[in-house]
N, C-alpha and C. Protein backbone atom coordinates (compact mmCIF):
# COMPACT_ATOMS: atom_id res chain seq x y z
N MET A 1 124.21 67.07 90.27
CA MET A 1 122.64 67.41 90.83
C MET A 1 121.82 67.02 89.64
N ILE A 2 120.65 66.49 89.73
CA ILE A 2 120.07 65.48 89.39
C ILE A 2 119.33 66.55 88.77
N PRO A 3 119.38 66.00 86.96
CA PRO A 3 118.13 67.69 86.39
C PRO A 3 116.51 67.37 86.94
N GLY A 4 116.29 68.64 86.98
CA GLY A 4 114.60 68.77 87.57
C GLY A 4 114.53 68.77 89.40
N GLU A 5 115.95 68.50 89.40
CA GLU A 5 115.83 68.79 91.05
C GLU A 5 116.45 70.07 91.77
N ARG A 6 115.50 70.76 92.84
CA ARG A 6 115.35 71.66 93.45
C ARG A 6 116.90 72.18 94.37
N ARG A 7 116.78 73.14 94.04
CA ARG A 7 118.08 74.44 94.01
C ARG A 7 117.35 74.32 95.59
N ASN A 8 117.19 74.24 96.87
CA ASN A 8 116.93 74.62 97.81
C ASN A 8 118.43 74.96 99.11
N LEU A 9 118.81 76.27 99.56
CA LEU A 9 119.54 76.14 100.88
C LEU A 9 118.94 75.40 101.04
N PRO A 10 119.99 74.83 102.21
CA PRO A 10 119.47 74.30 103.87
C PRO A 10 118.87 74.78 104.64
N VAL A 11 117.42 75.15 105.07
CA VAL A 11 117.73 76.11 105.84
C VAL A 11 118.14 76.25 107.50
N GLY A 12 119.10 75.07 107.79
CA GLY A 12 119.86 74.53 108.79
C GLY A 12 120.76 75.59 108.90
N MET A 13 121.09 76.15 107.17
CA MET A 13 122.42 76.38 106.65
C MET A 13 122.54 77.70 106.97
N ALA A 14 123.75 78.45 108.38
CA ALA A 14 123.96 79.84 108.29
C ALA A 14 124.27 80.69 106.57
N THR A 15 124.12 81.77 106.48
CA THR A 15 123.97 82.27 105.80
C THR A 15 125.48 83.74 105.85
N MET A 16 125.57 84.50 104.20
CA MET A 16 126.36 85.15 104.87
C MET A 16 125.95 86.50 105.41
N PRO A 17 124.99 86.71 104.62
CA PRO A 17 124.08 88.37 105.65
C PRO A 17 123.21 87.74 106.90
N GLU A 18 123.17 86.74 107.64
CA GLU A 18 123.16 86.48 109.17
C GLU A 18 124.38 86.69 109.69
N PHE A 19 125.32 86.90 109.14
CA PHE A 19 126.48 86.68 110.10
C PHE A 19 127.07 88.04 110.14
N PHE A 20 126.64 88.79 108.83
CA PHE A 20 126.57 90.54 108.94
C PHE A 20 126.13 91.06 109.69
N LYS A 21 124.41 90.51 109.80
CA LYS A 21 123.66 91.14 111.16
C LYS A 21 123.96 91.19 112.35
N GLN A 22 124.68 89.82 112.56
CA GLN A 22 125.27 89.68 113.94
C GLN A 22 126.58 90.74 114.13
N ALA A 23 127.15 91.12 113.24
CA ALA A 23 128.22 91.93 113.07
C ALA A 23 127.64 94.06 113.24
N GLY A 24 126.19 93.59 112.91
CA GLY A 24 125.47 95.16 113.03
C GLY A 24 125.40 95.84 111.81
N TYR A 25 125.41 94.53 110.55
CA TYR A 25 124.77 95.23 109.17
C TYR A 25 123.51 95.69 109.31
N THR A 26 123.14 96.50 108.40
CA THR A 26 121.64 96.53 107.83
C THR A 26 122.15 95.77 106.50
N THR A 27 120.72 94.71 106.31
CA THR A 27 121.39 93.26 104.86
C THR A 27 120.12 93.83 103.58
N MET A 28 120.71 93.85 103.29
CA MET A 28 119.66 94.18 101.87
C MET A 28 119.79 93.45 100.63
N LEU A 29 119.07 92.53 100.05
CA LEU A 29 118.82 92.01 99.00
C LEU A 29 118.29 92.55 97.51
N ILE A 30 118.59 92.95 96.22
CA ILE A 30 117.61 93.03 95.62
C ILE A 30 118.11 92.17 94.54
N GLY A 31 117.19 91.90 94.03
CA GLY A 31 117.25 90.34 92.91
C GLY A 31 117.06 89.43 93.13
N LYS A 32 117.50 88.83 92.47
CA LYS A 32 116.96 87.07 92.37
C LYS A 32 117.66 86.25 93.55
N TRP A 33 116.69 85.60 94.00
CA TRP A 33 116.95 84.57 95.34
C TRP A 33 117.31 83.26 94.39
N HIS A 34 115.88 82.76 93.95
CA HIS A 34 116.30 81.63 93.70
C HIS A 34 117.22 80.37 94.64
N LEU A 35 116.93 80.06 95.92
CA LEU A 35 117.51 79.27 96.99
C LEU A 35 116.41 78.32 97.81
N GLY A 36 114.71 78.94 97.24
CA GLY A 36 113.99 78.32 98.01
C GLY A 36 112.73 79.11 98.55
N GLN A 37 112.01 78.71 97.74
CA GLN A 37 110.60 79.24 98.24
C GLN A 37 109.23 78.97 98.80
N GLU A 38 109.24 77.76 98.75
CA GLU A 38 107.85 76.30 99.37
C GLU A 38 107.85 76.68 100.39
N PHE A 39 108.51 77.59 101.54
CA PHE A 39 108.05 77.98 102.78
C PHE A 39 108.86 79.24 103.67
N LEU A 40 107.97 79.49 104.25
CA LEU A 40 108.18 80.79 104.69
C LEU A 40 110.02 81.01 105.17
N ASN A 41 110.24 80.03 105.94
CA ASN A 41 111.70 80.33 106.40
C ASN A 41 112.27 79.98 105.06
N MET A 42 112.27 79.79 104.08
CA MET A 42 113.21 79.17 103.23
C MET A 42 113.45 81.00 101.96
N THR A 43 112.70 81.96 102.40
CA THR A 43 112.77 83.06 101.60
C THR A 43 113.79 83.91 102.60
N PRO A 44 114.25 85.04 101.28
CA PRO A 44 115.26 85.63 101.64
C PRO A 44 115.40 87.27 103.63
N ARG A 45 114.28 87.69 103.97
CA ARG A 45 113.83 88.04 104.76
C ARG A 45 114.22 87.28 106.37
N HIS A 46 113.60 85.63 105.93
CA HIS A 46 113.97 84.76 107.20
C HIS A 46 115.20 84.21 107.24
N ARG A 47 116.59 84.16 106.24
CA ARG A 47 117.99 83.89 105.95
C ARG A 47 118.51 84.94 106.48
N GLY A 48 118.09 85.96 106.94
CA GLY A 48 119.04 87.01 107.39
C GLY A 48 119.18 88.91 106.64
N TYR A 49 118.22 88.50 105.67
CA TYR A 49 118.17 89.61 104.58
C TYR A 49 116.78 90.82 105.96
N ASP A 50 117.59 92.43 106.10
CA ASP A 50 116.46 93.12 106.38
C ASP A 50 115.43 93.78 105.17
N TYR A 51 115.93 93.57 104.73
CA TYR A 51 114.86 94.29 103.23
C TYR A 51 115.34 93.54 101.87
N PHE A 52 114.58 92.79 101.18
CA PHE A 52 114.44 91.90 99.65
C PHE A 52 113.07 92.80 98.66
N PHE A 53 113.88 93.57 97.99
CA PHE A 53 113.02 93.50 96.82
C PHE A 53 113.85 92.50 95.40
N GLY A 54 113.22 91.57 95.09
CA GLY A 54 113.05 91.03 93.85
C GLY A 54 112.16 89.99 93.59
N LEU A 55 112.98 88.76 92.87
CA LEU A 55 111.93 87.69 92.41
C LEU A 55 112.81 86.21 93.89
N LEU A 56 111.02 85.59 93.95
CA LEU A 56 111.59 84.46 94.29
C LEU A 56 112.65 82.85 93.44
N GLY A 57 111.61 83.18 92.19
CA GLY A 57 111.95 82.13 91.50
C GLY A 57 113.38 82.14 91.16
N GLY A 58 113.09 80.95 89.72
CA GLY A 58 114.63 80.84 88.73
C GLY A 58 114.46 82.27 87.58
N ALA A 59 113.32 82.09 86.98
CA ALA A 59 113.15 82.85 85.91
C ALA A 59 111.92 83.97 85.64
N LEU A 60 111.56 84.51 84.66
CA LEU A 60 110.22 85.49 84.66
C LEU A 60 110.95 86.52 83.36
N ASP A 61 109.46 86.70 83.11
CA ASP A 61 109.23 87.92 81.97
C ASP A 61 109.95 89.54 82.18
N HIS A 62 111.02 89.39 81.51
CA HIS A 62 111.80 91.12 82.31
C HIS A 62 110.82 92.18 81.99
N PHE A 63 109.22 92.06 81.26
CA PHE A 63 108.50 93.25 81.21
C PHE A 63 107.09 92.83 81.87
N SER A 64 106.71 91.99 81.82
CA SER A 64 105.53 91.46 82.39
C SER A 64 106.02 90.91 84.55
N LYS A 65 106.72 90.45 84.40
CA LYS A 65 107.01 89.62 85.71
C LYS A 65 106.72 88.32 85.82
N ASP A 66 106.07 87.83 84.53
CA ASP A 66 105.16 86.61 84.57
C ASP A 66 106.30 85.48 85.20
N ILE A 67 105.86 84.58 85.43
CA ILE A 67 107.10 83.53 85.77
C ILE A 67 107.86 82.57 84.70
N GLY A 68 108.50 82.76 84.13
CA GLY A 68 109.30 81.17 83.39
C GLY A 68 108.82 80.29 83.40
N VAL A 69 108.15 79.16 82.42
CA VAL A 69 108.44 77.64 83.21
C VAL A 69 109.33 77.06 81.86
N GLY A 70 109.41 77.46 80.37
CA GLY A 70 110.41 76.68 79.67
C GLY A 70 110.67 77.86 78.62
N CYS A 71 112.40 77.16 77.46
CA CYS A 71 111.91 78.45 76.26
C CYS A 71 112.44 77.02 75.25
N GLY A 72 112.26 77.20 74.38
CA GLY A 72 112.36 76.85 72.83
C GLY A 72 111.58 75.11 72.99
N THR A 73 111.99 74.29 72.35
CA THR A 73 111.73 73.07 72.16
C THR A 73 112.89 72.14 72.35
N GLU A 74 111.16 70.55 72.27
CA GLU A 74 112.17 69.46 72.82
C GLU A 74 113.27 69.22 71.15
N GLU A 75 112.76 69.26 69.95
CA GLU A 75 113.61 69.33 68.77
C GLU A 75 115.28 70.40 68.94
N ASN A 76 115.38 71.40 69.41
CA ASN A 76 116.47 72.13 69.61
C ASN A 76 117.01 72.02 71.20
N ASP A 77 116.32 71.44 71.49
CA ASP A 77 117.38 71.19 73.14
C ASP A 77 116.95 71.91 73.78
N PHE A 78 115.80 72.61 73.68
CA PHE A 78 115.13 73.45 74.54
C PHE A 78 116.21 75.13 74.74
N HIS A 79 116.82 75.43 73.70
CA HIS A 79 117.93 76.03 73.74
C HIS A 79 117.51 77.73 73.50
N GLU A 80 115.97 77.60 72.22
CA GLU A 80 115.68 78.73 71.88
C GLU A 80 114.84 79.49 72.62
N VAL A 81 115.90 80.57 73.44
CA VAL A 81 115.63 81.02 74.79
C VAL A 81 115.65 82.32 74.55
N PHE A 82 114.28 83.11 72.89
CA PHE A 82 114.64 84.53 73.32
C PHE A 82 112.72 84.31 73.10
N ALA A 83 112.94 85.34 73.12
CA ALA A 83 111.74 85.79 73.92
C ALA A 83 109.74 85.00 72.91
N ASP A 84 109.85 84.96 72.13
CA ASP A 84 108.77 84.42 71.44
C ASP A 84 108.56 82.74 71.64
N ASN A 85 110.36 82.46 71.94
CA ASN A 85 110.08 80.77 71.87
C ASN A 85 109.50 80.32 73.71
N CYS A 86 109.36 81.30 74.25
CA CYS A 86 108.85 80.77 75.54
C CYS A 86 107.34 80.93 76.32
N ARG A 87 107.55 80.36 77.19
CA ARG A 87 106.17 80.35 77.86
C ARG A 87 105.89 80.45 79.29
N PHE A 88 104.97 80.71 79.84
CA PHE A 88 104.74 81.87 81.01
C PHE A 88 104.37 81.22 81.84
N PHE A 89 103.88 80.69 83.42
CA PHE A 89 102.70 80.29 84.41
C PHE A 89 101.81 81.46 84.26
N ASN A 90 100.61 81.13 84.76
CA ASN A 90 99.82 82.55 84.45
C ASN A 90 99.55 83.11 86.31
N ALA A 91 101.33 83.29 86.50
CA ALA A 91 101.43 83.42 87.76
C ALA A 91 102.55 84.60 87.84
N TYR A 92 103.35 85.63 88.73
CA TYR A 92 103.46 86.88 88.99
C TYR A 92 104.58 86.40 90.19
N ASP A 93 106.57 87.38 89.95
CA ASP A 93 107.10 86.91 90.78
C ASP A 93 107.98 88.20 90.93
N LEU A 94 107.73 88.88 92.19
CA LEU A 94 108.25 90.35 92.51
C LEU A 94 107.65 91.01 93.29
N GLN A 95 108.47 90.99 94.41
CA GLN A 95 108.23 91.84 95.84
C GLN A 95 109.04 92.29 95.91
N GLU A 96 108.11 93.00 97.76
CA GLU A 96 108.93 94.22 98.49
C GLU A 96 108.43 93.90 99.66
N ASN A 97 109.29 93.00 100.22
CA ASN A 97 109.32 92.39 102.03
C ASN A 97 108.40 91.48 102.23
N GLY A 98 108.14 90.61 101.07
CA GLY A 98 107.04 89.64 101.22
C GLY A 98 105.54 90.21 100.69
N VAL A 99 105.34 91.20 99.93
CA VAL A 99 104.60 92.13 99.09
C VAL A 99 104.77 92.29 98.25
N PRO A 100 103.48 91.55 97.06
CA PRO A 100 103.22 91.71 95.51
C PRO A 100 103.83 93.57 95.25
N TYR A 101 104.82 93.11 94.89
CA TYR A 101 105.38 94.93 94.11
C TYR A 101 105.02 94.81 92.46
N PHE A 102 103.67 95.70 91.47
CA PHE A 102 103.27 94.98 90.81
C PHE A 102 103.56 96.59 89.48
N ASP A 103 104.84 95.98 88.56
CA ASP A 103 104.65 97.03 88.03
C ASP A 103 104.96 96.13 86.35
N GLN A 104 104.24 96.32 85.83
CA GLN A 104 104.15 95.01 84.71
C GLN A 104 104.85 95.55 83.16
N ASN A 105 105.54 96.51 83.58
CA ASN A 105 106.00 97.63 82.26
C ASN A 105 107.20 98.09 82.06
N THR A 106 107.88 98.13 83.31
CA THR A 106 109.39 98.57 83.25
C THR A 106 110.43 96.86 83.32
N PHE A 107 111.70 97.38 82.60
CA PHE A 107 112.91 96.42 82.27
C PHE A 107 113.02 96.27 83.71
N ILE A 108 112.86 94.40 83.71
CA ILE A 108 113.61 93.94 84.85
C ILE A 108 114.82 94.66 85.82
N ILE A 109 115.60 95.43 85.11
CA ILE A 109 117.32 95.25 85.40
C ILE A 109 116.73 97.01 85.99
N ASP A 110 116.60 97.32 84.98
CA ASP A 110 115.68 99.08 85.52
C ASP A 110 115.64 98.89 86.49
N LEU A 111 114.17 98.29 86.89
CA LEU A 111 113.56 98.34 88.10
C LEU A 111 114.68 97.99 89.75
N LEU A 112 115.56 97.13 89.19
CA LEU A 112 116.14 97.06 90.07
C LEU A 112 117.31 97.97 90.82
N ALA A 113 117.80 98.24 89.51
CA ALA A 113 118.87 98.95 89.78
C ALA A 113 118.41 100.92 90.38
N GLN A 114 117.04 101.03 89.94
CA GLN A 114 116.37 102.38 90.86
C GLN A 114 115.97 101.71 92.36
N LYS A 115 115.81 100.58 92.48
CA LYS A 115 115.70 99.93 94.36
C LYS A 115 116.95 99.84 94.76
N ALA A 116 118.00 99.76 94.27
CA ALA A 116 119.29 99.36 94.76
C ALA A 116 119.65 101.24 95.60
N VAL A 117 119.61 101.77 93.99
CA VAL A 117 120.26 103.36 93.65
C VAL A 117 119.09 103.87 95.32
N ALA A 118 117.90 103.60 95.21
CA ALA A 118 117.10 104.47 96.65
C ALA A 118 117.04 104.06 97.94
N GLN A 119 117.53 103.10 97.42
CA GLN A 119 117.74 101.93 99.08
C GLN A 119 118.68 102.44 99.59
N ILE A 120 120.39 102.29 98.68
CA ILE A 120 121.45 103.25 99.35
C ILE A 120 121.08 104.72 99.87
N SER A 121 120.41 105.70 98.83
CA SER A 121 120.35 106.40 99.03
C SER A 121 119.70 107.00 100.69
N ALA A 122 119.06 105.91 100.56
CA ALA A 122 118.23 106.42 101.73
C ALA A 122 118.52 106.02 103.23
N HIS A 123 119.70 104.51 102.91
CA HIS A 123 120.76 104.65 104.34
C HIS A 123 121.14 105.46 104.83
N ASP A 124 121.28 104.80 106.32
CA ASP A 124 122.12 106.15 107.07
C ASP A 124 123.73 105.59 107.09
N PRO A 125 124.04 106.50 106.54
CA PRO A 125 125.48 106.39 105.92
C PRO A 125 126.65 106.41 107.53
N SER A 126 126.25 106.35 108.71
CA SER A 126 126.66 105.75 110.01
C SER A 126 126.68 104.86 110.56
N LYS A 127 126.19 103.71 109.69
CA LYS A 127 125.49 102.19 110.30
C LYS A 127 126.47 101.76 108.60
N SER A 128 127.15 100.51 109.04
CA SER A 128 127.19 99.22 107.71
C SER A 128 126.47 99.14 107.70
N LEU A 129 126.58 98.42 105.81
CA LEU A 129 125.44 98.39 104.84
C LEU A 129 126.13 97.04 103.99
N LEU A 130 125.56 96.10 104.22
CA LEU A 130 126.35 94.86 102.66
C LEU A 130 124.48 94.82 102.12
N LEU A 131 124.19 95.36 100.99
CA LEU A 131 123.69 95.14 99.86
C LEU A 131 124.15 93.51 98.60
N SER A 132 123.27 93.16 98.75
CA SER A 132 123.74 92.11 97.73
C SER A 132 123.03 92.57 96.70
N PHE A 133 123.02 92.58 95.24
CA PHE A 133 122.70 92.58 94.05
C PHE A 133 122.70 91.80 93.24
N HIS A 134 121.66 90.81 92.81
CA HIS A 134 120.87 90.03 92.52
C HIS A 134 120.82 89.71 90.71
N PRO A 135 121.20 90.84 89.99
CA PRO A 135 120.35 90.96 88.38
C PRO A 135 119.93 89.46 87.92
N ASN A 136 118.52 89.59 86.92
CA ASN A 136 118.50 88.46 86.95
C ASN A 136 118.92 87.93 85.05
N VAL A 137 119.56 88.84 85.10
CA VAL A 137 120.24 88.92 83.60
C VAL A 137 121.63 89.17 83.22
N PRO A 138 121.73 88.18 82.60
CA PRO A 138 121.16 87.78 81.27
C PRO A 138 120.75 86.25 81.69
N HIS A 139 118.82 86.10 81.03
CA HIS A 139 118.81 84.65 81.60
C HIS A 139 117.58 84.94 80.89
N ALA A 140 116.80 83.16 80.31
CA ALA A 140 115.66 83.26 79.42
C ALA A 140 114.68 83.78 80.10
N PRO A 141 113.93 84.57 79.24
CA PRO A 141 113.65 84.79 77.77
C PRO A 141 114.13 86.23 77.62
N VAL A 142 115.27 86.10 76.71
CA VAL A 142 116.38 87.62 75.91
C VAL A 142 115.38 88.00 75.51
N LYS A 143 115.43 89.40 76.15
CA LYS A 143 114.34 90.33 75.23
C LYS A 143 115.55 91.56 76.12
N ALA A 144 114.71 93.26 75.87
CA ALA A 144 115.41 93.74 76.40
C ALA A 144 114.39 95.01 75.09
N PRO A 145 114.25 96.27 76.73
CA PRO A 145 114.17 97.44 75.68
C PRO A 145 114.77 98.11 74.31
N GLN A 146 114.01 98.18 73.72
CA GLN A 146 114.47 98.77 72.73
C GLN A 146 115.96 99.61 72.34
N PRO A 147 116.01 100.60 72.48
CA PRO A 147 116.80 101.01 73.03
C PRO A 147 118.80 100.08 73.29
N TYR A 148 117.84 99.39 74.50
CA TYR A 148 119.29 98.75 74.26
C TYR A 148 119.83 97.45 73.03
N VAL A 149 118.74 96.87 72.30
CA VAL A 149 118.46 96.03 71.05
C VAL A 149 119.40 97.05 70.77
N ASP A 150 119.52 98.16 70.39
CA ASP A 150 119.31 99.18 69.28
C ASP A 150 120.98 99.09 69.36
N LEU A 151 121.58 99.60 70.27
CA LEU A 151 122.96 99.30 70.81
C LEU A 151 123.92 98.52 70.30
């Protein structure tokens, strides 16, 4: 792969959730997509998922949900991935089925886990379910709630 090249899943390529849907499953993705977002037909709801909660892009601040653009500096080969060394766009990337989901306080992993538990609990157990859970941590910027850091 060429550095900086986008990693989009080709639109004509069949996906695992599409096959599961054909077999009668309810399909859900909770977490990180990062397989294309430039056009609506590249997003999870158009690639086989009945339900999507999470981020379309690759990185975000784990609390504010602002989109990350880079960590570190050229001098350290961009390897300083801790929060104080990361810069963010003035953009937001957290959604539920295409609608922005505003929460700028909850640690992203806690929020994703809460959504997964809620979706599983609400699902009719007589129907088959594919729930793909793609947490975006560990990922730059490296940060966590203080109780997790204290562990």
